[in-house]
Amino acid sequence: RKPRSVARSAVGVVDGKMYVTQELKNGSIHEDVFDIQSQTWKDAGVPVPDEKECTRRMVRSSVTLEGKVYAMNTGSI
């Protein structure tokens, strides 16, 4: 797996998998999943916003609630 140059990220864990939302230094965003048991990474395969400002808000923090990961900033989901 090729390393990425990450500006910011947020992480949540659900069912033994770590979901990582990243804003890359080039402004794009990416979502990865790390399977804790098998120690493997894969693309999350979930849609992420294209708008750069929305991305900045998304990757400031996250919370895991009822089996879902919510990425947010200052109360906005």
PDB file of N, CA and C in Angstrom:
ATOM      1  N   ARG A   1       0.834  -1.174   0.000  1.00  0.00           N
ATOM      2  CA  ARG A   1       0.000   0.000   0.000  1.00  0.00           C
ATOM      3  C   ARG A   1       0.881   1.240   0.000  1.00  0.00           C
ATOM      4  N   LYS A   2       0.637   2.119  -0.933  1.00  0.00           N
ATOM      5  CA  LYS A   2       1.453   3.319  -1.070  1.00  0.00           C
ATOM      6  C   LYS A   2       1.040   4.363  -0.024  1.00  0.00           C
ATOM      7  N   PRO A   3       2.009   4.937   0.702  1.00  0.00           N
ATOM      8  CA  PRO A   3       1.686   5.978   1.684  1.00  0.00           C
ATOM      9  C   PRO A   3       1.130   7.223   0.999  1.00  0.00           C
ATOM     10  N   ARG A   4       0.285   7.948   1.707  1.00  0.00           N
ATOM     11  CA  ARG A   4      -0.298   9.191   1.190  1.00  0.00           C
ATOM     12  C   ARG A   4       0.191  10.365   2.033  1.00  0.00           C
ATOM     13  N   SER A   5       0.227  11.531   1.425  1.00  0.00           N
ATOM     14  CA  SER A   5       0.557  12.747   2.146  1.00  0.00           C
ATOM     15  C   SER A   5      -0.749  13.339   2.669  1.00  0.00           C
ATOM     16  N   VAL A   6      -1.021  13.153   3.958  1.00  0.00           N
ATOM     17  CA  VAL A   6      -2.317  13.495   4.548  1.00  0.00           C
ATOM     18  C   VAL A   6      -2.240  14.821   5.290  1.00  0.00           C
ATOM     19  N   ALA A   7      -3.229  15.707   5.037  1.00  0.00           N
ATOM     20  CA  ALA A   7      -3.324  16.979   5.747  1.00  0.00           C
ATOM     21  C   ALA A   7      -4.058  16.799   7.073  1.00  0.00           C
ATOM     22  N   ARG A   8      -5.167  16.053   7.081  1.00  0.00           N
ATOM     23  CA  ARG A   8      -5.930  15.767   8.289  1.00  0.00           C
ATOM     24  C   ARG A   8      -6.726  14.493   8.113  1.00  0.00           C
ATOM     25  N   SER A   9      -7.123  13.908   9.219  1.00  0.00           N
ATOM     26  CA  SER A   9      -7.905  12.674   9.137  1.00  0.00           C
ATOM     27  C   SER A   9      -8.790  12.525  10.365  1.00  0.00           C
ATOM     28  N   ALA A  10      -9.787  11.660  10.230  1.00  0.00           N
ATOM     29  CA  ALA A  10     -10.678  11.299  11.331  1.00  0.00           C
ATOM     30  C   ALA A  10     -10.881   9.793  11.267  1.00  0.00           C
ATOM     31  N   VAL A  11     -11.022   9.164  12.431  1.00  0.00           N
ATOM     32  CA  VAL A  11     -11.078   7.703  12.503  1.00  0.00           C
ATOM     33  C   VAL A  11     -12.241   7.263  13.380  1.00  0.00           C
ATOM     34  N   GLY A  12     -12.888   6.157  12.985  1.00  0.00           N
ATOM     35  CA  GLY A  12     -13.905   5.518  13.811  1.00  0.00           C
ATOM     36  C   GLY A  12     -13.791   4.015  13.658  1.00  0.00           C
ATOM     37  N   VAL A  13     -14.136   3.266  14.710  1.00  0.00           N
ATOM     38  CA  VAL A  13     -14.051   1.807  14.677  1.00  0.00           C
ATOM     39  C   VAL A  13     -15.442   1.211  14.841  1.00  0.00           C
ATOM     40  N   VAL A  14     -15.800   0.307  13.913  1.00  0.00           N
ATOM     41  CA  VAL A  14     -17.082  -0.398  13.941  1.00  0.00           C
ATOM     42  C   VAL A  14     -16.829  -1.851  13.576  1.00  0.00           C
ATOM     43  N   ASP A  15     -17.330  -2.769  14.391  1.00  0.00           N
ATOM     44  CA  ASP A  15     -17.251  -4.206  14.104  1.00  0.00           C
ATOM     45  C   ASP A  15     -15.843  -4.673  13.728  1.00  0.00           C
ATOM     46  N   GLY A  16     -14.842  -4.222  14.465  1.00  0.00           N
ATOM     47  CA  GLY A  16     -13.478  -4.679  14.228  1.00  0.00           C
ATOM     48  C   GLY A  16     -12.802  -4.072  13.020  1.00  0.00           C
ATOM     49  N   LYS A  17     -13.406  -3.027  12.455  1.00  0.00           N
ATOM     50  CA  LYS A  17     -12.808  -2.343  11.305  1.00  0.00           C
ATOM     51  C   LYS A  17     -12.645  -0.865  11.638  1.00  0.00           C
ATOM     52  N   MET A  18     -11.485  -0.327  11.262  1.00  0.00           N
ATOM     53  CA  MET A  18     -11.184   1.072  11.491  1.00  0.00           C
ATOM     54  C   MET A  18     -11.419   1.841  10.189  1.00  0.00           C
ATOM     55  N   TYR A  19     -12.326   2.809  10.221  1.00  0.00           N
ATOM     56  CA  TYR A  19     -12.654   3.627   9.053  1.00  0.00           C
ATOM     57  C   TYR A  19     -11.894   4.944   9.168  1.00  0.00           C
ATOM     58  N   VAL A  20     -11.097   5.258   8.139  1.00  0.00           N
ATOM     59  CA  VAL A  20     -10.241   6.437   8.164  1.00  0.00           C
ATOM     60  C   VAL A  20     -10.621   7.355   7.003  1.00  0.00           C
ATOM     61  N   THR A  21     -11.133   8.554   7.336  1.00  0.00           N
ATOM     62  CA  THR A  21     -11.428   9.577   6.338  1.00  0.00           C
ATOM     63  C   THR A  21     -10.252  10.538   6.329  1.00  0.00           C
ATOM     64  N   GLN A  22      -9.675  10.774   5.147  1.00  0.00           N
ATOM     65  CA  GLN A  22      -8.472  11.594   5.046  1.00  0.00           C
ATOM     66  C   GLN A  22      -8.645  12.714   4.036  1.00  0.00           C
ATOM     67  N   GLU A  23      -8.207  13.910   4.412  1.00  0.00           N
ATOM     68  CA  GLU A  23      -8.037  14.969   3.424  1.00  0.00           C
ATOM     69  C   GLU A  23      -6.564  14.944   3.061  1.00  0.00           C
ATOM     70  N   LEU A  24      -6.282  14.693   1.799  1.00  0.00           N
ATOM     71  CA  LEU A  24      -4.896  14.639   1.344  1.00  0.00           C
ATOM     72  C   LEU A  24      -4.374  16.048   1.111  1.00  0.00           C
ATOM     73  N   LYS A  25      -3.068  16.204   1.098  1.00  0.00           N
ATOM     74  CA  LYS A  25      -2.470  17.529   0.923  1.00  0.00           C
ATOM     75  C   LYS A  25      -2.779  18.138  -0.433  1.00  0.00           C
ATOM     76  N   ASN A  26      -3.169  17.319  -1.412  1.00  0.00           N
ATOM     77  CA  ASN A  26      -3.543  17.856  -2.723  1.00  0.00           C
ATOM     78  C   ASN A  26      -4.996  18.318  -2.751  1.00  0.00           C
ATOM     79  N   GLY A  27      -5.711  18.217  -1.606  1.00  0.00           N
ATOM     80  CA  GLY A  27      -7.085  18.689  -1.513  1.00  0.00           C
ATOM     81  C   GLY A  27      -8.137  17.619  -1.728  1.00  0.00           C
ATOM     82  N   SER A  28      -7.762  16.471  -2.255  1.00  0.00           N
ATOM     83  CA  SER A  28      -8.742  15.399  -2.459  1.00  0.00           C
ATOM     84  C   SER A  28      -8.983  14.665  -1.140  1.00  0.00           C
ATOM     85  N   ILE A  29     -10.038  13.863  -1.112  1.00  0.00           N
ATOM     86  CA  ILE A  29     -10.319  13.088   0.083  1.00  0.00           C
ATOM     87  C   ILE A  29     -10.388  11.613  -0.251  1.00  0.00           C
ATOM     88  N   HIS A  30     -10.149  10.796   0.757  1.00  0.00           N
ATOM     89  CA  HIS A  30     -10.121   9.357   0.549  1.00  0.00           C
ATOM     90  C   HIS A  30     -10.617   8.673   1.807  1.00  0.00           C
ATOM     91  N   GLU A  31     -11.297   7.568   1.635  1.00  0.00           N
ATOM     92  CA  GLU A  31     -11.815   6.774   2.749  1.00  0.00           C
ATOM     93  C   GLU A  31     -11.220   5.375   2.668  1.00  0.00           C
ATOM     94  N   ASP A  32     -10.546   4.944   3.724  1.00  0.00           N
ATOM     95  CA  ASP A  32      -9.950   3.612   3.800  1.00  0.00           C
ATOM     96  C   ASP A  32     -10.528   2.847   4.979  1.00  0.00           C
ATOM     97  N   VAL A  33     -10.439   1.523   4.904  1.00  0.00           N
ATOM     98  CA  VAL A  33     -10.865   0.654   6.000  1.00  0.00           C
ATOM     99  C   VAL A  33      -9.713  -0.274   6.354  1.00  0.00           C
ATOM    100  N   PHE A  34      -9.416  -0.362   7.646  1.00  0.00           N
ATOM    101  CA  PHE A  34      -8.389  -1.280   8.131  1.00  0.00           C
ATOM    102  C   PHE A  34      -9.076  -2.375   8.930  1.00  0.00           C
ATOM    103  N   ASP A  35      -8.914  -3.631   8.488  1.00  0.00           N
ATOM    104  CA  ASP A  35      -9.472  -4.776   9.202  1.00  0.00           C
ATOM    105  C   ASP A  35      -8.479  -5.153  10.299  1.00  0.00           C
ATOM    106  N   ILE A  36      -8.877  -4.956  11.541  1.00  0.00           N
ATOM    107  CA  ILE A  36      -7.967  -5.153  12.667  1.00  0.00           C
ATOM    108  C   ILE A  36      -7.528  -6.609  12.785  1.00  0.00           C
ATOM    109  N   GLN A  37      -8.433  -7.550  12.569  1.00  0.00           N
ATOM    110  CA  GLN A  37      -8.090  -8.968  12.705  1.00  0.00           C
ATOM    111  C   GLN A  37      -7.118  -9.438  11.625  1.00  0.00           C
ATOM    112  N   SER A  38      -7.412  -9.117  10.357  1.00  0.00           N
ATOM    113  CA  SER A  38      -6.553  -9.592   9.261  1.00  0.00           C
ATOM    114  C   SER A  38      -5.365  -8.667   8.991  1.00  0.00           C
ATOM    115  N   GLN A  39      -5.369  -7.470   9.622  1.00  0.00           N
ATOM    116  CA  GLN A  39      -4.292  -6.493   9.450  1.00  0.00           C
ATOM    117  C   GLN A  39      -4.137  -6.077   7.989  1.00  0.00           C
ATOM    118  N   THR A  40      -5.272  -5.841   7.313  1.00  0.00           N
ATOM    119  CA  THR A  40      -5.248  -5.440   5.904  1.00  0.00           C
ATOM    120  C   THR A  40      -6.042  -4.154   5.698  1.00  0.00           C
ATOM    121  N   TRP A  41      -5.618  -3.383   4.689  1.00  0.00           N
ATOM    122  CA  TRP A  41      -6.292  -2.150   4.287  1.00  0.00           C
ATOM    123  C   TRP A  41      -7.069  -2.388   3.004  1.00  0.00           C
ATOM    124  N   LYS A  42      -8.172  -1.649   2.815  1.00  0.00           N
ATOM    125  CA  LYS A  42      -8.873  -1.622   1.537  1.00  0.00           C
ATOM    126  C   LYS A  42      -9.595  -0.292   1.401  1.00  0.00           C
ATOM    127  N   ASP A  43      -9.977   0.021   0.170  1.00  0.00           N
ATOM    128  CA  ASP A  43     -10.765   1.213  -0.100  1.00  0.00           C
ATOM    129  C   ASP A  43     -12.146   1.005   0.502  1.00  0.00           C
ATOM    130  N   ALA A  44     -12.687   2.019   1.152  1.00  0.00           N
ATOM    131  CA  ALA A  44     -13.981   1.874   1.819  1.00  0.00           C
ATOM    132  C   ALA A  44     -15.125   1.700   0.835  1.00  0.00           C
ATOM    133  N   GLY A  45     -14.992   2.243  -0.372  1.00  0.00           N
ATOM    134  CA  GLY A  45     -16.058   2.110  -1.358  1.00  0.00           C
ATOM    135  C   GLY A  45     -17.307   2.902  -1.012  1.00  0.00           C
ATOM    136  N   VAL A  46     -17.143   3.987  -0.245  1.00  0.00           N
ATOM    137  CA  VAL A  46     -18.281   4.840   0.092  1.00  0.00           C
ATOM    138  C   VAL A  46     -18.086   6.197  -0.566  1.00  0.00           C
ATOM    139  N   PRO A  47     -19.195   6.843  -0.964  1.00  0.00           N
ATOM    140  CA  PRO A  47     -19.060   8.159  -1.586  1.00  0.00           C
ATOM    141  C   PRO A  47     -18.611   9.193  -0.558  1.00  0.00           C
ATOM    142  N   VAL A  48     -17.752  10.097  -0.996  1.00  0.00           N
ATOM    143  CA  VAL A  48     -17.313  11.200  -0.147  1.00  0.00           C
ATOM    144  C   VAL A  48     -17.509  12.489  -0.926  1.00  0.00           C
ATOM    145  N   PRO A  49     -17.770  13.609  -0.240  1.00  0.00           N
ATOM    146  CA  PRO A  49     -18.037  14.872  -0.939  1.00  0.00           C
ATOM    147  C   PRO A  49     -16.861  15.319  -1.800  1.00  0.00           C
ATOM    148  N   ASP A  50     -17.162  16.000  -2.888  1.00  0.00           N
ATOM    149  CA  ASP A  50     -16.120  16.542  -3.755  1.00  0.00           C
ATOM    150  C   ASP A  50     -15.715  17.952  -3.350  1.00  0.00           C
ATOM    151  N   GLU A  51     -16.622  18.680  -2.729  1.00  0.00           N
ATOM    152  CA  GLU A  51     -16.367  20.078  -2.412  1.00  0.00           C
ATOM    153  C   GLU A  51     -15.306  20.202  -1.317  1.00  0.00           C
ATOM    154  N   LYS A  52     -14.264  20.959  -1.592  1.00  0.00           N
ATOM    155  CA  LYS A  52     -13.126  21.065  -0.675  1.00  0.00           C
ATOM    156  C   LYS A  52     -13.540  21.606   0.696  1.00  0.00           C
ATOM    157  N   GLU A  53     -14.388  22.612   0.743  1.00  0.00           N
ATOM    158  CA  GLU A  53     -14.805  23.184   2.029  1.00  0.00           C
ATOM    159  C   GLU A  53     -15.547  22.152   2.867  1.00  0.00           C
ATOM    160  N   CYS A  54     -16.404  21.374   2.234  1.00  0.00           N
ATOM    161  CA  CYS A  54     -17.121  20.324   2.948  1.00  0.00           C
ATOM    162  C   CYS A  54     -16.130  19.310   3.504  1.00  0.00           C
ATOM    163  N   THR A  55     -15.105  19.013   2.740  1.00  0.00           N
ATOM    164  CA  THR A  55     -14.078  18.072   3.181  1.00  0.00           C
ATOM    165  C   THR A  55     -13.390  18.583   4.437  1.00  0.00           C
ATOM    166  N   ARG A  56     -13.040  19.849   4.469  1.00  0.00           N
ATOM    167  CA  ARG A  56     -12.375  20.406   5.645  1.00  0.00           C
ATOM    168  C   ARG A  56     -13.234  20.224   6.883  1.00  0.00           C
ATOM    169  N   ARG A  57     -14.528  20.417   6.720  1.00  0.00           N
ATOM    170  CA  ARG A  57     -15.421  20.257   7.863  1.00  0.00           C
ATOM    171  C   ARG A  57     -15.527  18.799   8.277  1.00  0.00           C
ATOM    172  N   MET A  58     -15.486  17.889   7.299  1.00  0.00           N
ATOM    173  CA  MET A  58     -15.672  16.473   7.593  1.00  0.00           C
ATOM    174  C   MET A  58     -14.554  15.858   8.403  1.00  0.00           C
ATOM    175  N   VAL A  59     -13.340  16.224   8.124  1.00  0.00           N
ATOM    176  CA  VAL A  59     -12.231  15.453   8.666  1.00  0.00           C
ATOM    177  C   VAL A  59     -11.610  16.051   9.929  1.00  0.00           C
ATOM    178  N   ARG A  60     -12.325  16.889  10.625  1.00  0.00           N
ATOM    179  CA  ARG A  60     -11.809  17.444  11.877  1.00  0.00           C
ATOM    180  C   ARG A  60     -11.965  16.463  13.038  1.00  0.00           C
ATOM    181  N   SER A  61     -13.067  15.725  13.084  1.00  0.00           N
ATOM    182  CA  SER A  61     -13.286  14.771  14.168  1.00  0.00           C
ATOM    183  C   SER A  61     -14.332  13.755  13.734  1.00  0.00           C
ATOM    184  N   SER A  62     -14.485  12.701  14.531  1.00  0.00           N
ATOM    185  CA  SER A  62     -15.500  11.699  14.213  1.00  0.00           C
ATOM    186  C   SER A  62     -16.000  11.051  15.490  1.00  0.00           C
ATOM    187  N   VAL A  63     -17.152  10.402  15.368  1.00  0.00           N
ATOM    188  CA  VAL A  63     -17.732   9.655  16.475  1.00  0.00           C
ATOM    189  C   VAL A  63     -18.355   8.387  15.909  1.00  0.00           C
ATOM    190  N   THR A  64     -18.320   7.322  16.686  1.00  0.00           N
ATOM    191  CA  THR A  64     -18.961   6.074  16.298  1.00  0.00           C
ATOM    192  C   THR A  64     -20.202   5.921  17.160  1.00  0.00           C
ATOM    193  N   LEU A  65     -21.366   5.733  16.514  1.00  0.00           N
ATOM    194  CA  LEU A  65     -22.635   5.640  17.230  1.00  0.00           C
ATOM    195  C   LEU A  65     -23.534   4.630  16.544  1.00  0.00           C
ATOM    196  N   GLU A  66     -24.000   3.654  17.276  1.00  0.00           N
ATOM    197  CA  GLU A  66     -24.932   2.647  16.767  1.00  0.00           C
ATOM    198  C   GLU A  66     -24.453   2.012  15.465  1.00  0.00           C
ATOM    199  N   GLY A  67     -23.175   1.648  15.416  1.00  0.00           N
ATOM    200  CA  GLY A  67     -22.632   0.939  14.262  1.00  0.00           C
ATOM    201  C   GLY A  67     -22.330   1.791  13.050  1.00  0.00           C
ATOM    202  N   LYS A  68     -22.316   3.109  13.216  1.00  0.00           N
ATOM    203  CA  LYS A  68     -21.990   4.010  12.104  1.00  0.00           C
ATOM    204  C   LYS A  68     -20.906   4.978  12.548  1.00  0.00           C
ATOM    205  N   VAL A  69     -20.097   5.419  11.572  1.00  0.00           N
ATOM    206  CA  VAL A  69     -19.064   6.419  11.840  1.00  0.00           C
ATOM    207  C   VAL A  69     -19.544   7.743  11.261  1.00  0.00           C
ATOM    208  N   TYR A  70     -19.570   8.779  12.095  1.00  0.00           N
ATOM    209  CA  TYR A  70     -19.951  10.113  11.659  1.00  0.00           C
ATOM    210  C   TYR A  70     -18.720  11.005  11.713  1.00  0.00           C
ATOM    211  N   ALA A  71     -18.355  11.604  10.578  1.00  0.00           N
ATOM    212  CA  ALA A  71     -17.244  12.553  10.532  1.00  0.00           C
ATOM    213  C   ALA A  71     -17.841  13.946  10.601  1.00  0.00           C
ATOM    214  N   MET A  72     -17.250  14.817  11.424  1.00  0.00           N
ATOM    215  CA  MET A  72     -17.871  16.122  11.639  1.00  0.00           C
ATOM    216  C   MET A  72     -16.864  17.177  12.055  1.00  0.00           C
ATOM    217  N   ASN A  73     -17.363  18.396  12.149  1.00  0.00           N
ATOM    218  CA  ASN A  73     -16.584  19.519  12.657  1.00  0.00           C
ATOM    219  C   ASN A  73     -17.528  20.462  13.390  1.00  0.00           C
ATOM    220  N   THR A  74     -17.174  20.861  14.557  1.00  0.00           N
ATOM    221  CA  THR A  74     -17.932  21.804  15.385  1.00  0.00           C
ATOM    222  C   THR A  74     -19.438  21.559  15.358  1.00  0.00           C
ATOM    223  N   GLY A  75     -19.833  20.328  15.465  1.00  0.00           N
ATOM    224  CA  GLY A  75     -21.245  19.987  15.566  1.00  0.00           C
ATOM    225  C   GLY A  75     -21.943  19.715  14.254  1.00  0.00           C
ATOM    226  N   SER A  76     -21.337  20.016  13.110  1.00  0.00           N
ATOM    227  CA  SER A  76     -21.953  19.754  11.807  1.00  0.00           C
ATOM    228  C   SER A  76     -21.626  18.335  11.377  1.00  0.00           C
ATOM    229  N   ILE A  77     -22.624  17.609  10.893  1.00  0.00           N
ATOM    230  CA  ILE A  77     -22.398  16.235  10.430  1.00  0.00           C
ATOM    231  C   ILE A  77     -22.502  16.196   8.921  1.00  0.00           C
TER     232      ILE A  77
END
